[in-house]
Protein backbone atom coordinates (compact mmCIF):
# COMPACT_ATOMS: atom_id res chain seq x y z
CA MET A 1 9.97 -19.82 12.95
CA GLN A 2 10.04 -23.16 11.14
CA ASN A 3 6.95 -24.43 12.94
CA LYS A 4 5.17 -21.18 12.17
CA PHE A 5 5.66 -21.63 8.44
CA LEU A 6 4.77 -25.32 8.48
CA LEU A 7 1.39 -24.40 9.90
CA LEU A 8 0.85 -22.05 6.97
CA ILE A 9 1.34 -24.67 4.28
CA VAL A 10 -2.29 -25.75 4.50
CA ILE A 11 -3.45 -22.35 3.22
CA ILE A 12 -0.96 -22.02 0.37
CA PHE A 13 -2.50 -20.80 -2.89
CA SER A 14 0.37 -21.07 -5.34
CA VAL A 15 3.47 -23.23 -5.73
CA PHE A 16 6.04 -22.37 -8.37
CA GLN A 17 8.73 -24.85 -9.41
CA VAL A 18 11.62 -23.41 -11.35
CA GLY A 19 14.51 -25.34 -12.84
CA CYS A 20 17.94 -24.05 -11.91
CA GLY A 21 21.08 -24.42 -13.97
CA ASN A 22 23.36 -24.39 -10.90
CA ARG A 23 24.69 -27.88 -10.32
CA ASN A 24 24.39 -27.47 -6.55
CA ILE A 25 20.63 -26.90 -6.69
CA SER A 26 18.49 -29.24 -8.76
CA LYS A 27 15.14 -27.53 -8.22
CA ILE A 28 13.76 -24.46 -6.44
CA SER A 29 10.14 -24.32 -5.25
CA ILE A 30 8.62 -21.09 -3.96
CA ILE A 31 5.59 -21.31 -1.71
CA PHE A 32 3.80 -18.03 -1.06
CA GLU A 33 1.48 -17.72 1.91
CA ASN A 34 -0.95 -15.74 -0.26
CA ASN A 35 -1.57 -15.56 -3.98
CA PRO A 36 1.21 -13.37 -5.47
CA THR A 37 0.06 -9.84 -6.29
CA LEU A 38 3.29 -7.82 -6.13
CA ASN A 39 5.35 -7.34 -9.27
CA GLN A 40 8.43 -8.16 -7.16
CA GLU A 41 7.03 -11.63 -6.47
CA ILE A 42 6.75 -12.35 -10.19
CA GLU A 43 10.23 -10.93 -10.76
CA LEU A 44 11.62 -13.28 -8.11
CA ILE A 45 10.06 -16.27 -9.86
CA ASN A 46 11.53 -15.19 -13.19
CA LEU A 47 14.99 -14.63 -11.70
CA LEU A 48 15.26 -18.14 -10.35
CA ASP A 49 16.09 -19.65 -13.73
CA GLN A 50 19.47 -17.98 -13.29
CA GLN A 51 22.32 -19.77 -11.60
CA PHE A 52 22.45 -19.43 -7.82
CA SER A 53 24.51 -21.16 -5.20
CA TYR A 54 22.71 -21.90 -1.96
CA LYS A 55 24.58 -19.08 -0.21
CA GLU A 56 23.79 -16.61 -3.01
CA LEU A 57 20.13 -17.59 -2.90
CA LYS A 58 19.90 -17.01 0.87
CA THR A 59 21.55 -13.60 0.53
CA PHE A 60 19.31 -12.61 -2.36
CA VAL A 61 16.09 -13.52 -0.55
CA LYS A 62 17.25 -11.81 2.65
CA ASP A 63 17.83 -8.56 0.74
CA GLN A 64 14.26 -8.36 -0.64
CA ASN A 65 12.55 -5.68 1.46
CA TRP A 66 9.08 -6.72 0.25
CA ILE A 67 9.44 -10.04 2.09
CA GLU A 68 8.10 -9.90 5.65
CA THR A 69 9.28 -13.36 6.73
CA TYR A 70 10.72 -16.37 4.94
CA LEU A 71 12.05 -19.87 5.51
CA ILE A 72 14.46 -21.72 3.22
CA ARG A 73 14.64 -25.50 3.44
CA ARG A 74 17.30 -27.55 1.70
CA TYR A 75 16.76 -31.26 1.03
CA PRO A 76 19.27 -34.10 0.45
CA SER A 77 18.24 -34.17 -3.21
CA ASN A 78 19.73 -30.64 -3.53
CA SER A 79 16.26 -29.21 -4.03
CA ILE A 80 15.21 -26.02 -2.23
CA GLN A 81 11.86 -24.87 -0.90
CA ILE A 82 11.34 -21.22 -0.01
CA TYR A 83 8.32 -20.26 2.10
CA ILE A 84 7.50 -16.57 1.78
CA ARG A 85 5.14 -14.20 3.52
CA SER A 86 5.07 -10.96 1.53
CA ARG A 87 4.38 -7.54 2.96
CA LYS A 88 0.92 -6.18 2.22
CA PRO A 89 0.90 -2.60 0.91
CA GLN A 90 -1.59 -0.22 2.47
CA TYR A 91 -0.52 3.05 0.81
CA VAL A 92 1.83 4.39 -1.84
CA TRP A 93 4.15 6.89 -0.17
CA ARG A 94 5.69 9.73 -2.21
CA ASP A 95 5.45 7.55 -5.36
CA HIS A 96 8.60 5.65 -4.34
CA PHE A 97 7.56 3.29 -1.56
CA TYR A 98 4.71 1.19 -0.31
CA LEU A 99 3.69 1.57 3.32
CA THR A 100 2.20 -1.34 5.24
CA SER A 101 -0.44 -1.03 7.96
CA ASP A 102 2.34 -0.70 10.56
CA LEU A 103 4.04 1.92 8.31
CA SER A 104 6.97 -0.27 7.29
CA LYS A 105 8.41 0.83 3.93
CA PHE A 106 9.35 -1.23 0.91
CA SER A 107 10.04 -0.37 -2.71
CA TYR A 108 7.13 0.69 -4.92
CA ASP A 109 6.83 -1.43 -8.06
CA GLY A 110 4.05 0.40 -9.88
CA GLY A 111 1.29 -1.97 -8.83
CA TYR A 112 -1.88 -1.53 -6.76
CA PRO A 113 -3.38 1.48 -8.58
CA GLU A 114 -6.31 1.47 -6.15
CA LEU A 115 -4.16 2.42 -3.14
CA ILE A 116 -4.30 5.94 -1.71
CA ARG A 117 -1.19 7.99 -2.52
CA LEU A 118 0.35 9.77 0.45
CA ASN A 119 2.49 12.84 -0.17
CA VAL A 120 3.06 13.42 3.52
CA PRO A 121 6.12 13.54 5.83
CA ILE A 122 6.50 10.11 7.38
CA ASP A 123 6.11 11.50 10.90
CA LEU A 124 2.66 12.86 9.99
CA VAL A 125 1.26 9.73 8.37
CA ASP A 126 -0.26 8.60 11.69
CA GLN A 127 -2.45 11.71 11.71
CA TRP A 128 -4.08 10.54 8.50
CA VAL A 129 -4.30 6.91 9.60
CA ASN A 130 -6.21 7.94 12.73
CA VAL A 131 -8.99 9.66 10.75
CA GLU A 132 -8.87 7.80 7.44
CA GLN A 133 -11.83 5.52 7.95
CA LYS A 134 -14.37 8.16 8.95
CA PHE A 135 -13.35 10.51 6.12
CA LYS A 136 -13.47 7.68 3.58
CA VAL A 137 -16.91 6.60 4.76
CA LEU A 138 -18.25 10.17 4.70
CA LEU A 139 -17.00 10.82 1.17
CA ARG A 140 -18.11 7.42 -0.07
CA ASP A 141 -21.66 8.25 1.03
CA TYR A 142 -21.58 10.98 -1.65
CA ASN A 143 -19.78 8.84 -4.25
CA PHE A 144 -16.34 10.36 -3.75
CA GLU A 145 -13.22 8.21 -3.53
CA ILE A 146 -9.97 9.55 -2.07
CA VAL A 147 -6.93 8.94 -4.28
CA LEU A 148 -4.38 11.36 -2.78
CA VAL A 149 -3.60 12.79 0.65
CA ASN A 150 -1.16 15.70 0.61
CA PHE A 151 0.48 17.88 3.24
CA GLN A 152 2.45 21.07 2.70
CA THR A 153 3.64 23.31 5.51
CA SER A 154 2.34 26.43 3.75
CA GLU A 155 -1.15 25.02 3.02
CA GLY A 156 -1.73 22.19 5.45
CA TRP A 157 -3.61 19.06 4.42
CA TYR A 158 -5.71 18.49 1.35
CA LEU A 159 -7.48 15.49 -0.14
CA LEU A 160 -7.99 14.75 -3.82
CA THR A 161 -10.78 12.49 -5.03
CA LYS A 162 -10.97 10.28 -8.09
CA ASN A 163 -13.08 12.85 -9.95
CA ASN A 164 -10.57 15.64 -9.11
CA LEU A 165 -12.46 17.30 -6.28
CA ARG A 166 -9.89 18.92 -4.01
CA ILE A 167 -10.75 19.29 -0.33
CA ASN A 168 -8.57 21.76 1.59
CA ILE A 169 -8.49 20.59 5.20
CA GLY A 170 -6.09 23.01 6.85
CA SER A 171 -3.59 22.35 9.61
CA GLU A 172 -5.35 19.41 11.26
CA PHE A 173 -8.14 16.85 10.91
CA SER A 174 -10.25 18.24 13.73
CA SER A 175 -13.82 17.27 14.59
CA GLU A 176 -14.87 20.77 13.51
CA VAL A 177 -13.37 20.24 10.05
CA TYR A 178 -15.15 16.90 9.76
CA LYS A 179 -18.46 18.51 10.72
CA LYS A 180 -18.01 21.31 8.16
CA LEU A 181 -17.19 18.80 5.44
CA SER A 182 -20.26 16.74 6.29
CA LEU A 183 -22.54 19.79 6.10
CA THR A 184 -20.88 21.01 2.89
CA LEU A 185 -21.31 17.68 1.13
CA LYS A 186 -24.94 17.55 2.20
CA TYR A 187 -25.48 21.08 0.84
CA MET A 188 -23.78 20.17 -2.46
CA PHE A 189 -25.90 17.06 -2.84
CA GLU A 190 -29.18 18.82 -2.08
CA ASN A 191 -28.41 21.62 -4.54
CA ASN A 192 -26.78 19.49 -7.23
CA LEU A 193 -23.49 21.43 -7.03
CA THR A 194 -20.20 20.24 -8.53
CA PRO A 195 -17.36 22.48 -7.32
CA SER A 196 -13.73 21.69 -8.07
CA ILE A 197 -12.53 22.76 -4.60
CA ILE A 198 -14.01 22.63 -1.11
CA ASP A 199 -12.02 24.91 1.18
CA LEU A 200 -12.59 24.16 4.86
CA ARG A 201 -9.91 26.48 6.20
CA TYR A 202 -12.36 29.28 7.00
CA LYS A 203 -13.25 29.68 10.66
CA ASP A 204 -16.99 30.16 10.13
CA GLY A 205 -17.69 27.79 7.26
CA ALA A 206 -16.50 26.52 3.91
CA ALA A 207 -15.95 28.01 0.46
CA LEU A 208 -16.75 26.35 -2.86
CA ASN A 209 -14.60 27.07 -5.88
CA TYR A 210 -15.78 26.22 -9.39
CA GLY A 211 -12.57 27.06 -11.23
CA LYS A 212 -10.49 24.49 -13.10
């Protein structure tokens, strides 16, 4: 693990040096693999002006679920260097957690407003992941951006776009549903239509709703 982190030093973006009042540690330096973007990273930097023993510091860092991997090095001068690789959020799940690309969870800190919100049982998230790219590309072609993916047992899946267009998918993201959505978007574009809901749950087509 140590060698792995040493290789990463050459691509470090930011180094933070924080004075520490604890007599056992003269200086703490944090080296992030990537430029810090999580609020938790900034909070960690701000916390390090508090008094920590070496043991307390190790325990504290270990307990941070936003850290993917880390290495703590202690030098004879009683200075500490912490090398951190942070988890990269891919989604916001149920407004309480981030999900990474491998669906690991860590606490949501209110950042990354551009991420898609998932209100979906964790065991169904893979179903969205498997079709996400083609649905995003299709909607982007018509200037729609997905901001929310929702699943309810009584209604099935629906998508919500940035301009509040709701797209009712139904029980699954089938190729037939994708085809109907593609044809419906094309029809809307050609006829300059702006419905509030596209309902794809009908067997023989789609319905457009213009209500609020």
